[in-house]
Amino acid sequence: MILSDVLGAAVLDAEGKRLGVVSDLRFVLEGGPDALLAAPRLVGVLVSPRTASSFLGYERQGISQPWPVAQILSWRHRGSFLVLWDDLAGLGPDSVRLRKGYTAYEPSLRA
């Protein structure tokens, strides 16, 4: 599966209730560089209840300029949350299913 296929997929809880859509994926780089780059690892998915559009990096702490853009994106993505990889029960091109008892983190969480 190509990860870009997951962007915009519906996010469902364990009972099948729609929570929103995948608006972004969160990765971390582990270890030192292997050949040219460090190895990426998928940490989780960002879920937006309203839109599949990107945060453009404004979910990160401390980014607030230019002010109009930050305000619009903050409003547009209100209610968004990060779900870590361990809380995903299934991942497919049409939907992402969360396990029962998943934890919703602030989108700015640095894993």
PDB file of N, CA and C in Angstrom:
ATOM      1  N   MET A   1       0.834  -1.175   0.000  1.00  0.00           N
ATOM      2  CA  MET A   1       0.000   0.000   0.000  1.00  0.00           C
ATOM      3  C   MET A   1       0.883   1.245   0.000  1.00  0.00           C
ATOM      4  N   ILE A   2       0.488   2.218  -0.777  1.00  0.00           N
ATOM      5  CA  ILE A   2       1.164   3.502  -0.799  1.00  0.00           C
ATOM      6  C   ILE A   2       0.494   4.374   0.265  1.00  0.00           C
ATOM      7  N   LEU A   3       1.297   4.966   1.136  1.00  0.00           N
ATOM      8  CA  LEU A   3       0.731   5.712   2.253  1.00  0.00           C
ATOM      9  C   LEU A   3      -0.142   6.881   1.813  1.00  0.00           C
ATOM     10  N   SER A   4       0.140   7.459   0.653  1.00  0.00           N
ATOM     11  CA  SER A   4      -0.714   8.553   0.191  1.00  0.00           C
ATOM     12  C   SER A   4      -2.137   8.070  -0.080  1.00  0.00           C
ATOM     13  N   ASP A   5      -2.318   6.755  -0.291  1.00  0.00           N
ATOM     14  CA  ASP A   5      -3.666   6.203  -0.460  1.00  0.00           C
ATOM     15  C   ASP A   5      -4.478   6.304   0.822  1.00  0.00           C
ATOM     16  N   VAL A   6      -3.803   6.354   1.970  1.00  0.00           N
ATOM     17  CA  VAL A   6      -4.488   6.418   3.266  1.00  0.00           C
ATOM     18  C   VAL A   6      -5.005   7.831   3.554  1.00  0.00           C
ATOM     19  N   LEU A   7      -4.333   8.837   3.002  1.00  0.00           N
ATOM     20  CA  LEU A   7      -4.770  10.220   3.225  1.00  0.00           C
ATOM     21  C   LEU A   7      -6.195  10.397   2.706  1.00  0.00           C
ATOM     22  N   GLY A   8      -7.060  10.946   3.536  1.00  0.00           N
ATOM     23  CA  GLY A   8      -8.459  11.138   3.172  1.00  0.00           C
ATOM     24  C   GLY A   8      -9.349   9.956   3.499  1.00  0.00           C
ATOM     25  N   ALA A   9      -8.754   8.845   3.974  1.00  0.00           N
ATOM     26  CA  ALA A   9      -9.550   7.672   4.335  1.00  0.00           C
ATOM     27  C   ALA A   9     -10.378   7.965   5.593  1.00  0.00           C
ATOM     28  N   ALA A  10     -11.557   7.394   5.662  1.00  0.00           N
ATOM     29  CA  ALA A  10     -12.416   7.557   6.832  1.00  0.00           C
ATOM     30  C   ALA A  10     -11.774   6.874   8.033  1.00  0.00           C
ATOM     31  N   VAL A  11     -11.909   7.480   9.209  1.00  0.00           N
ATOM     32  CA  VAL A  11     -11.412   6.892  10.456  1.00  0.00           C
ATOM     33  C   VAL A  11     -12.621   6.453  11.265  1.00  0.00           C
ATOM     34  N   LEU A  12     -12.646   5.179  11.634  1.00  0.00           N
ATOM     35  CA  LEU A  12     -13.764   4.586  12.357  1.00  0.00           C
ATOM     36  C   LEU A  12     -13.300   4.078  13.711  1.00  0.00           C
ATOM     37  N   ASP A  13     -14.165   4.197  14.717  1.00  0.00           N
ATOM     38  CA  ASP A  13     -13.822   3.620  16.015  1.00  0.00           C
ATOM     39  C   ASP A  13     -14.117   2.124  15.984  1.00  0.00           C
ATOM     40  N   ALA A  14     -13.930   1.438  17.091  1.00  0.00           N
ATOM     41  CA  ALA A  14     -14.100  -0.015  17.150  1.00  0.00           C
ATOM     42  C   ALA A  14     -15.519  -0.453  16.821  1.00  0.00           C
ATOM     43  N   GLU A  15     -16.509   0.419  17.069  1.00  0.00           N
ATOM     44  CA  GLU A  15     -17.901   0.092  16.785  1.00  0.00           C
ATOM     45  C   GLU A  15     -18.329   0.498  15.375  1.00  0.00           C
ATOM     46  N   GLY A  16     -17.432   1.123  14.620  1.00  0.00           N
ATOM     47  CA  GLY A  16     -17.747   1.525  13.252  1.00  0.00           C
ATOM     48  C   GLY A  16     -18.250   2.946  13.110  1.00  0.00           C
ATOM     49  N   LYS A  17     -18.238   3.727  14.189  1.00  0.00           N
ATOM     50  CA  LYS A  17     -18.671   5.127  14.133  1.00  0.00           C
ATOM     51  C   LYS A  17     -17.589   5.966  13.459  1.00  0.00           C
ATOM     52  N   ARG A  18     -17.997   6.818  12.525  1.00  0.00           N
ATOM     53  CA  ARG A  18     -17.042   7.670  11.804  1.00  0.00           C
ATOM     54  C   ARG A  18     -16.582   8.809  12.704  1.00  0.00           C
ATOM     55  N   LEU A  19     -15.250   8.950  12.851  1.00  0.00           N
ATOM     56  CA  LEU A  19     -14.657   9.989  13.685  1.00  0.00           C
ATOM     57  C   LEU A  19     -14.083  11.142  12.872  1.00  0.00           C
ATOM     58  N   GLY A  20     -13.814  10.905  11.597  1.00  0.00           N
ATOM     59  CA  GLY A  20     -13.217  11.911  10.738  1.00  0.00           C
ATOM     60  C   GLY A  20     -12.456  11.251   9.615  1.00  0.00           C
ATOM     61  N   VAL A  21     -11.437  11.962   9.121  1.00  0.00           N
ATOM     62  CA  VAL A  21     -10.611  11.449   8.030  1.00  0.00           C
ATOM     63  C   VAL A  21      -9.130  11.606   8.376  1.00  0.00           C
ATOM     64  N   VAL A  22      -8.297  10.800   7.740  1.00  0.00           N
ATOM     65  CA  VAL A  22      -6.850  10.906   7.920  1.00  0.00           C
ATOM     66  C   VAL A  22      -6.380  12.155   7.176  1.00  0.00           C
ATOM     67  N   SER A  23      -5.834  13.115   7.913  1.00  0.00           N
ATOM     68  CA  SER A  23      -5.354  14.342   7.273  1.00  0.00           C
ATOM     69  C   SER A  23      -3.835  14.356   7.125  1.00  0.00           C
ATOM     70  N   ASP A  24      -3.147  13.511   7.885  1.00  0.00           N
ATOM     71  CA  ASP A  24      -1.692  13.464   7.777  1.00  0.00           C
ATOM     72  C   ASP A  24      -1.182  12.215   8.479  1.00  0.00           C
ATOM     73  N   LEU A  25       0.063  11.889   8.248  1.00  0.00           N
ATOM     74  CA  LEU A  25       0.724  10.755   8.890  1.00  0.00           C
ATOM     75  C   LEU A  25       1.918  11.282   9.659  1.00  0.00           C
ATOM     76  N   ARG A  26       2.202  10.694  10.802  1.00  0.00           N
ATOM     77  CA  ARG A  26       3.304  11.150  11.651  1.00  0.00           C
ATOM     78  C   ARG A  26       4.404  10.107  11.633  1.00  0.00           C
ATOM     79  N   PHE A  27       5.606  10.532  11.301  1.00  0.00           N
ATOM     80  CA  PHE A  27       6.792   9.670  11.260  1.00  0.00           C
ATOM     81  C   PHE A  27       7.845  10.209  12.209  1.00  0.00           C
ATOM     82  N   VAL A  28       8.754   9.337  12.617  1.00  0.00           N
ATOM     83  CA  VAL A  28       9.979   9.737  13.311  1.00  0.00           C
ATOM     84  C   VAL A  28      11.138   9.107  12.559  1.00  0.00           C
ATOM     85  N   LEU A  29      12.291   9.751  12.651  1.00  0.00           N
ATOM     86  CA  LEU A  29      13.505   9.207  12.067  1.00  0.00           C
ATOM     87  C   LEU A  29      14.298   8.549  13.180  1.00  0.00           C
ATOM     88  N   GLU A  30      14.661   7.291  12.972  1.00  0.00           N
ATOM     89  CA  GLU A  30      15.358   6.541  14.006  1.00  0.00           C
ATOM     90  C   GLU A  30      16.806   6.276  13.615  1.00  0.00           C
ATOM     91  N   GLY A  31      17.647   6.350  14.621  1.00  0.00           N
ATOM     92  CA  GLY A  31      19.040   5.996  14.432  1.00  0.00           C
ATOM     93  C   GLY A  31      19.794   6.975  13.563  1.00  0.00           C
ATOM     94  N   GLY A  32      21.037   6.628  13.326  1.00  0.00           N
ATOM     95  CA  GLY A  32      21.877   7.442  12.461  1.00  0.00           C
ATOM     96  C   GLY A  32      21.552   7.193  11.007  1.00  0.00           C
ATOM     97  N   PRO A  33      22.129   7.974  10.157  1.00  0.00           N
ATOM     98  CA  PRO A  33      21.863   7.812   8.730  1.00  0.00           C
ATOM     99  C   PRO A  33      22.306   6.448   8.206  1.00  0.00           C
ATOM    100  N   ASP A  34      21.422   5.777   7.479  1.00  0.00           N
ATOM    101  CA  ASP A  34      21.745   4.558   6.733  1.00  0.00           C
ATOM    102  C   ASP A  34      21.947   4.992   5.296  1.00  0.00           C
ATOM    103  N   ALA A  35      23.124   4.856   4.812  1.00  0.00           N
ATOM    104  CA  ALA A  35      23.467   5.314   3.465  1.00  0.00           C
ATOM    105  C   ALA A  35      23.211   6.817   3.364  1.00  0.00           C
ATOM    106  N   LEU A  36      22.042   7.216   2.876  1.00  0.00           N
ATOM    107  CA  LEU A  36      21.774   8.639   2.696  1.00  0.00           C
ATOM    108  C   LEU A  36      20.863   9.229   3.770  1.00  0.00           C
ATOM    109  N   LEU A  37      19.917   8.429   4.280  1.00  0.00           N
ATOM    110  CA  LEU A  37      18.918   8.955   5.218  1.00  0.00           C
ATOM    111  C   LEU A  37      18.750   8.048   6.425  1.00  0.00           C
ATOM    112  N   ALA A  38      18.246   8.613   7.523  1.00  0.00           N
ATOM    113  CA  ALA A  38      17.883   7.810   8.683  1.00  0.00           C
ATOM    114  C   ALA A  38      16.597   7.042   8.348  1.00  0.00           C
ATOM    115  N   ALA A  39      16.362   5.940   9.051  1.00  0.00           N
ATOM    116  CA  ALA A  39      15.205   5.097   8.776  1.00  0.00           C
ATOM    117  C   ALA A  39      13.930   5.712   9.360  1.00  0.00           C
ATOM    118  N   PRO A  40      12.897   5.942   8.532  1.00  0.00           N
ATOM    119  CA  PRO A  40      11.638   6.481   9.048  1.00  0.00           C
ATOM    120  C   PRO A  40      10.771   5.365   9.643  1.00  0.00           C
ATOM    121  N   ARG A  41       9.983   5.721  10.655  1.00  0.00           N
ATOM    122  CA  ARG A  41       9.040   4.783  11.266  1.00  0.00           C
ATOM    123  C   ARG A  41       7.710   5.494  11.445  1.00  0.00           C
ATOM    124  N   LEU A  42       6.620   4.854  10.990  1.00  0.00           N
ATOM    125  CA  LEU A  42       5.285   5.424  11.140  1.00  0.00           C
ATOM    126  C   LEU A  42       4.877   5.369  12.605  1.00  0.00           C
ATOM    127  N   VAL A  43       4.529   6.523  13.170  1.00  0.00           N
ATOM    128  CA  VAL A  43       4.157   6.613  14.579  1.00  0.00           C
ATOM    129  C   VAL A  43       2.650   6.628  14.750  1.00  0.00           C
ATOM    130  N   GLY A  44       1.941   7.297  13.847  1.00  0.00           N
ATOM    131  CA  GLY A  44       0.502   7.373  13.976  1.00  0.00           C
ATOM    132  C   GLY A  44      -0.131   8.179  12.865  1.00  0.00           C
ATOM    133  N   VAL A  45      -1.427   8.416  13.007  1.00  0.00           N
ATOM    134  CA  VAL A  45      -2.180   9.180  12.017  1.00  0.00           C
ATOM    135  C   VAL A  45      -2.846  10.373  12.687  1.00  0.00           C
ATOM    136  N   LEU A  46      -2.924  11.467  11.950  1.00  0.00           N
ATOM    137  CA  LEU A  46      -3.646  12.647  12.404  1.00  0.00           C
ATOM    138  C   LEU A  46      -5.053  12.570  11.842  1.00  0.00           C
ATOM    139  N   VAL A  47      -6.045  12.696  12.720  1.00  0.00           N
ATOM    140  CA  VAL A  47      -7.447  12.582  12.343  1.00  0.00           C
ATOM    141  C   VAL A  47      -8.100  13.946  12.470  1.00  0.00           C
ATOM    142  N   SER A  48      -8.757  14.375  11.394  1.00  0.00           N
ATOM    143  CA  SER A  48      -9.497  15.632  11.406  1.00  0.00           C
ATOM    144  C   SER A  48     -10.975  15.322  11.228  1.00  0.00           C
ATOM    145  N   PRO A  49     -11.839  15.869  12.094  1.00  0.00           N
ATOM    146  CA  PRO A  49     -13.262  15.577  11.971  1.00  0.00           C
ATOM    147  C   PRO A  49     -13.921  16.267  10.777  1.00  0.00           C
ATOM    148  N   ARG A  50     -13.245  17.232  10.149  1.00  0.00           N
ATOM    149  CA  ARG A  50     -13.883  18.027   9.105  1.00  0.00           C
ATOM    150  C   ARG A  50     -13.257  17.953   7.725  1.00  0.00           C
ATOM    151  N   THR A  51     -11.937  17.854   7.647  1.00  0.00           N
ATOM    152  CA  THR A  51     -11.273  18.009   6.362  1.00  0.00           C
ATOM    153  C   THR A  51     -10.060  17.100   6.226  1.00  0.00           C
ATOM    154  N   ALA A  52      -9.793  16.687   5.006  1.00  0.00           N
ATOM    155  CA  ALA A  52      -8.606  15.874   4.743  1.00  0.00           C
ATOM    156  C   ALA A  52      -7.415  16.735   4.352  1.00  0.00           C
ATOM    157  N   SER A  53      -7.599  18.046   4.326  1.00  0.00           N
ATOM    158  CA  SER A  53      -6.490  18.919   3.941  1.00  0.00           C
ATOM    159  C   SER A  53      -5.399  18.891   5.003  1.00  0.00           C
ATOM    160  N   SER A  54      -4.200  19.238   4.584  1.00  0.00           N
ATOM    161  CA  SER A  54      -3.033  19.186   5.451  1.00  0.00           C
ATOM    162  C   SER A  54      -3.023  20.327   6.463  1.00  0.00           C
ATOM    163  N   PHE A  55      -2.345  20.091   7.579  1.00  0.00           N
ATOM    164  CA  PHE A  55      -2.102  21.123   8.583  1.00  0.00           C
ATOM    165  C   PHE A  55      -1.021  22.096   8.110  1.00  0.00           C
ATOM    166  N   LEU A  56      -0.270  21.720   7.066  1.00  0.00           N
ATOM    167  CA  LEU A  56       0.854  22.510   6.557  1.00  0.00           C
ATOM    168  C   LEU A  56       1.906  22.774   7.627  1.00  0.00           C
ATOM    169  N   GLY A  57       1.993  21.898   8.621  1.00  0.00           N
ATOM    170  CA  GLY A  57       2.971  22.044   9.685  1.00  0.00           C
ATOM    171  C   GLY A  57       2.504  22.908  10.839  1.00  0.00           C
ATOM    172  N   TYR A  58       1.323  23.512  10.746  1.00  0.00           N
ATOM    173  CA  TYR A  58       0.848  24.408  11.797  1.00  0.00           C
ATOM    174  C   TYR A  58       0.359  23.681  13.042  1.00  0.00           C
ATOM    175  N   GLU A  59       0.304  22.341  13.024  1.00  0.00           N
ATOM    176  CA  GLU A  59      -0.063  21.619  14.240  1.00  0.00           C
ATOM    177  C   GLU A  59       1.104  21.560  15.210  1.00  0.00           C
ATOM    178  N   ARG A  60       2.286  21.873  14.726  1.00  0.00           N
ATOM    179  CA  ARG A  60       3.468  21.847  15.586  1.00  0.00           C
ATOM    180  C   ARG A  60       3.444  23.016  16.551  1.00  0.00           C
ATOM    181  N   GLN A  61       3.979  22.788  17.729  1.00  0.00           N
ATOM    182  CA  GLN A  61       3.964  23.819  18.765  1.00  0.00           C
ATOM    183  C   GLN A  61       4.799  25.019  18.359  1.00  0.00           C
ATOM    184  N   GLY A  62       4.257  26.190  18.609  1.00  0.00           N
ATOM    185  CA  GLY A  62       5.012  27.412  18.417  1.00  0.00           C
ATOM    186  C   GLY A  62       4.943  28.013  17.024  1.00  0.00           C
ATOM    187  N   ILE A  63       4.303  27.363  16.070  1.00  0.00           N
ATOM    188  CA  ILE A  63       4.196  27.938  14.731  1.00  0.00           C
ATOM    189  C   ILE A  63       2.909  28.748  14.667  1.00  0.00           C
ATOM    190  N   SER A  64       3.047  30.055  14.511  1.00  0.00           N
ATOM    191  CA  SER A  64       1.861  30.915  14.502  1.00  0.00           C
ATOM    192  C   SER A  64       1.948  32.042  13.471  1.00  0.00           C
ATOM    193  N   GLN A  65       2.918  31.980  12.576  1.00  0.00           N
ATOM    194  CA  GLN A  65       3.085  33.038  11.579  1.00  0.00           C
ATOM    195  C   GLN A  65       3.080  32.428  10.185  1.00  0.00           C
ATOM    196  N   PRO A  66       2.530  33.050   9.196  1.00  0.00           N
ATOM    197  CA  PRO A  66       1.767  34.282   9.278  1.00  0.00           C
ATOM    198  C   PRO A  66       0.447  34.051  10.014  1.00  0.00           C
ATOM    199  N   TRP A  67       0.085  35.013  10.818  1.00  0.00           N
ATOM    200  CA  TRP A  67      -1.053  34.900  11.709  1.00  0.00           C
ATOM    201  C   TRP A  67      -2.364  34.507  11.016  1.00  0.00           C
ATOM    202  N   PRO A  68      -2.741  35.119   9.886  1.00  0.00           N
ATOM    203  CA  PRO A  68      -4.022  34.731   9.261  1.00  0.00           C
ATOM    204  C   PRO A  68      -4.062  33.264   8.851  1.00  0.00           C
ATOM    205  N   VAL A  69      -2.958  32.759   8.330  1.00  0.00           N
ATOM    206  CA  VAL A  69      -2.912  31.358   7.917  1.00  0.00           C
ATOM    207  C   VAL A  69      -3.032  30.447   9.136  1.00  0.00           C
ATOM    208  N   ALA A  70      -2.300  30.762  10.193  1.00  0.00           N
ATOM    209  CA  ALA A  70      -2.361  29.953  11.417  1.00  0.00           C
ATOM    210  C   ALA A  70      -3.777  29.927  11.987  1.00  0.00           C
ATOM    211  N   GLN A  71      -4.463  31.055  11.988  1.00  0.00           N
ATOM    212  CA  GLN A  71      -5.816  31.133  12.534  1.00  0.00           C
ATOM    213  C   GLN A  71      -6.804  30.320  11.696  1.00  0.00           C
ATOM    214  N   ILE A  72      -6.708  30.437  10.388  1.00  0.00           N
ATOM    215  CA  ILE A  72      -7.617  29.700   9.497  1.00  0.00           C
ATOM    216  C   ILE A  72      -7.409  28.195   9.658  1.00  0.00           C
ATOM    217  N   LEU A  73      -6.158  27.749   9.668  1.00  0.00           N
ATOM    218  CA  LEU A  73      -5.891  26.316   9.802  1.00  0.00           C
ATOM    219  C   LEU A  73      -6.272  25.798  11.180  1.00  0.00           C
ATOM    220  N   SER A  74      -6.061  26.602  12.202  1.00  0.00           N
ATOM    221  CA  SER A  74      -6.464  26.211  13.553  1.00  0.00           C
ATOM    222  C   SER A  74      -7.976  26.018  13.620  1.00  0.00           C
ATOM    223  N   TRP A  75      -8.715  26.918  13.030  1.00  0.00           N
ATOM    224  CA  TRP A  75     -10.184  26.815  13.017  1.00  0.00           C
ATOM    225  C   TRP A  75     -10.633  25.620  12.186  1.00  0.00           C
ATOM    226  N   ARG A  76     -10.022  25.451  11.028  1.00  0.00           N
ATOM    227  CA  ARG A  76     -10.416  24.383  10.111  1.00  0.00           C
ATOM    228  C   ARG A  76     -10.148  22.992  10.694  1.00  0.00           C
ATOM    229  N   HIS A  77      -9.096  22.866  11.490  1.00  0.00           N
ATOM    230  CA  HIS A  77      -8.725  21.563  12.051  1.00  0.00           C
ATOM    231  C   HIS A  77      -9.104  21.422  13.527  1.00  0.00           C
ATOM    232  N   ARG A  78      -9.982  22.266  14.027  1.00  0.00           N
ATOM    233  CA  ARG A  78     -10.392  22.148  15.429  1.00  0.00           C
ATOM    234  C   ARG A  78     -10.983  20.757  15.674  1.00  0.00           C
ATOM    235  N   GLY A  79     -10.635  20.210  16.815  1.00  0.00           N
ATOM    236  CA  GLY A  79     -11.109  18.864  17.153  1.00  0.00           C
ATOM    237  C   GLY A  79     -10.244  17.747  16.605  1.00  0.00           C
ATOM    238  N   SER A  80      -9.174  18.087  15.904  1.00  0.00           N
ATOM    239  CA  SER A  80      -8.286  17.059  15.343  1.00  0.00           C
ATOM    240  C   SER A  80      -7.471  16.404  16.457  1.00  0.00           C
ATOM    241  N   PHE A  81      -7.035  15.164  16.192  1.00  0.00           N
ATOM    242  CA  PHE A  81      -6.250  14.452  17.190  1.00  0.00           C
ATOM    243  C   PHE A  81      -5.309  13.467  16.525  1.00  0.00           C
ATOM    244  N   LEU A  82      -4.299  13.065  17.281  1.00  0.00           N
ATOM    245  CA  LEU A  82      -3.307  12.094  16.833  1.00  0.00           C
ATOM    246  C   LEU A  82      -3.611  10.747  17.481  1.00  0.00           C
ATOM    247  N   VAL A  83      -3.585   9.700  16.674  1.00  0.00           N
ATOM    248  CA  VAL A  83      -3.750   8.339  17.179  1.00  0.00           C
ATOM    249  C   VAL A  83      -2.467   7.583  16.862  1.00  0.00           C
ATOM    250  N   LEU A  84      -1.852   7.015  17.878  1.00  0.00           N
ATOM    251  CA  LEU A  84      -0.588   6.300  17.697  1.00  0.00           C
ATOM    252  C   LEU A  84      -0.800   4.953  17.010  1.00  0.00           C
ATOM    253  N   TRP A  85       0.255   4.453  16.384  1.00  0.00           N
ATOM    254  CA  TRP A  85       0.216   3.213  15.619  1.00  0.00           C
ATOM    255  C   TRP A  85      -0.361   2.044  16.433  1.00  0.00           C
ATOM    256  N   ASP A  86       0.003   1.946  17.703  1.00  0.00           N
ATOM    257  CA  ASP A  86      -0.476   0.834  18.541  1.00  0.00           C
ATOM    258  C   ASP A  86      -1.991   0.848  18.726  1.00  0.00           C
ATOM    259  N   ASP A  87      -2.635   1.981  18.497  1.00  0.00           N
ATOM    260  CA  ASP A  87      -4.085   2.082  18.654  1.00  0.00           C
ATOM    261  C   ASP A  87      -4.852   1.824  17.364  1.00  0.00           C
ATOM    262  N   LEU A  88      -4.147   1.496  16.281  1.00  0.00           N
ATOM    263  CA  LEU A  88      -4.810   1.181  15.017  1.00  0.00           C
ATOM    264  C   LEU A  88      -5.104  -0.310  14.959  1.00  0.00           C
ATOM    265  N   ALA A  89      -6.373  -0.641  14.686  1.00  0.00           N
ATOM    266  CA  ALA A  89      -6.758  -2.043  14.542  1.00  0.00           C
ATOM    267  C   ALA A  89      -6.643  -2.487  13.092  1.00  0.00           C
ATOM    268  N   GLY A  90      -6.844  -1.577  12.154  1.00  0.00           N
ATOM    269  CA  GLY A  90      -6.762  -1.902  10.738  1.00  0.00           C
ATOM    270  C   GLY A  90      -6.466  -0.664   9.922  1.00  0.00           C
ATOM    271  N   LEU A  91      -5.722  -0.846   8.841  1.00  0.00           N
ATOM    272  CA  LEU A  91      -5.313   0.269   7.992  1.00  0.00           C
ATOM    273  C   LEU A  91      -5.522  -0.148   6.546  1.00  0.00           C
ATOM    274  N   GLY A  92      -6.381   0.581   5.840  1.00  0.00           N
ATOM    275  CA  GLY A  92      -6.641   0.267   4.442  1.00  0.00           C
ATOM    276  C   GLY A  92      -6.866   1.532   3.647  1.00  0.00           C
ATOM    277  N   PRO A  93      -7.012   1.421   2.321  1.00  0.00           N
ATOM    278  CA  PRO A  93      -7.176   2.604   1.483  1.00  0.00           C
ATOM    279  C   PRO A  93      -8.527   3.296   1.669  1.00  0.00           C
ATOM    280  N   ASP A  94      -9.536   2.571   2.142  1.00  0.00           N
ATOM    281  CA  ASP A  94     -10.868   3.153   2.305  1.00  0.00           C
ATOM    282  C   ASP A  94     -11.153   3.612   3.723  1.00  0.00           C
ATOM    283  N   SER A  95     -10.556   2.941   4.699  1.00  0.00           N
ATOM    284  CA  SER A  95     -10.822   3.306   6.087  1.00  0.00           C
ATOM    285  C   SER A  95      -9.691   2.865   7.003  1.00  0.00           C
ATOM    286  N   VAL A  96      -9.629   3.545   8.133  1.00  0.00           N
ATOM    287  CA  VAL A  96      -8.703   3.207   9.208  1.00  0.00           C
ATOM    288  C   VAL A  96      -9.578   2.920  10.421  1.00  0.00           C
ATOM    289  N   ARG A  97      -9.404   1.755  11.000  1.00  0.00           N
ATOM    290  CA  ARG A  97     -10.206   1.372  12.163  1.00  0.00           C
ATOM    291  C   ARG A  97      -9.332   1.433  13.409  1.00  0.00           C
ATOM    292  N   LEU A  98      -9.872   2.059  14.457  1.00  0.00           N
ATOM    293  CA  LEU A  98      -9.155   2.185  15.720  1.00  0.00           C
ATOM    294  C   LEU A  98      -9.574   1.068  16.658  1.00  0.00           C
ATOM    295  N   ARG A  99      -8.652   0.679  17.531  1.00  0.00           N
ATOM    296  CA  ARG A  99      -8.983  -0.371  18.499  1.00  0.00           C
ATOM    297  C   ARG A  99      -9.836   0.219  19.612  1.00  0.00           C
ATOM    298  N   LYS A 100     -10.522  -0.628  20.308  1.00  0.00           N
ATOM    299  CA  LYS A 100     -11.330  -0.186  21.439  1.00  0.00           C
ATOM    300  C   LYS A 100     -10.413   0.374  22.524  1.00  0.00           C
ATOM    301  N   GLY A 101     -10.779   1.501  23.106  1.00  0.00           N
ATOM    302  CA  GLY A 101      -9.981   2.112  24.149  1.00  0.00           C
ATOM    303  C   GLY A 101      -8.801   2.912  23.636  1.00  0.00           C
ATOM    304  N   TYR A 102      -8.822   3.323  22.366  1.00  0.00           N
ATOM    305  CA  TYR A 102      -7.708   4.110  21.809  1.00  0.00           C
ATOM    306  C   TYR A 102      -7.553   5.420  22.579  1.00  0.00           C
ATOM    307  N   THR A 103      -6.376   6.028  22.475  1.00  0.00           N
ATOM    308  CA  THR A 103      -6.105   7.304  23.110  1.00  0.00           C
ATOM    309  C   THR A 103      -5.945   8.369  22.033  1.00  0.00           C
ATOM    310  N   ALA A 104      -6.653   9.477  22.184  1.00  0.00           N
ATOM    311  CA  ALA A 104      -6.553  10.605  21.260  1.00  0.00           C
ATOM    312  C   ALA A 104      -5.608  11.638  21.889  1.00  0.00           C
ATOM    313  N   TYR A 105      -4.514  11.922  21.194  1.00  0.00           N
ATOM    314  CA  TYR A 105      -3.525  12.882  21.670  1.00  0.00           C
ATOM    315  C   TYR A 105      -3.675  14.199  20.918  1.00  0.00           C
ATOM    316  N   GLU A 106      -3.106  15.261  21.495  1.00  0.00           N
ATOM    317  CA  GLU A 106      -3.044  16.541  20.802  1.00  0.00           C
ATOM    318  C   GLU A 106      -2.227  16.362  19.523  1.00  0.00           C
ATOM    319  N   PRO A 107      -2.624  17.012  18.419  1.00  0.00           N
ATOM    320  CA  PRO A 107      -1.866  16.867  17.173  1.00  0.00           C
ATOM    321  C   PRO A 107      -0.412  17.291  17.278  1.00  0.00           C
ATOM    322  N   SER A 108      -0.092  18.166  18.213  1.00  0.00           N
ATOM    323  CA  SER A 108       1.284  18.656  18.346  1.00  0.00           C
ATOM    324  C   SER A 108       2.200  17.712  19.111  1.00  0.00           C
ATOM    325  N   LEU A 109       1.679  16.578  19.562  1.00  0.00           N
ATOM    326  CA  LEU A 109       2.486  15.621  20.301  1.00  0.00           C
ATOM    327  C   LEU A 109       3.723  15.239  19.497  1.00  0.00           C
ATOM    328  N   ARG A 110       4.855  15.326  20.151  1.00  0.00           N
ATOM    329  CA  ARG A 110       6.104  14.930  19.510  1.00  0.00           C
ATOM    330  C   ARG A 110       6.466  13.547  20.025  1.00  0.00           C
ATOM    331  N   ALA A 111       6.380  12.560  19.135  1.00  0.00           N
ATOM    332  CA  ALA A 111       6.646  11.184  19.544  1.00  0.00           C
ATOM    333  C   ALA A 111       8.121  10.870  19.497  1.00  0.00           C
TER     334      ALA A 111
END
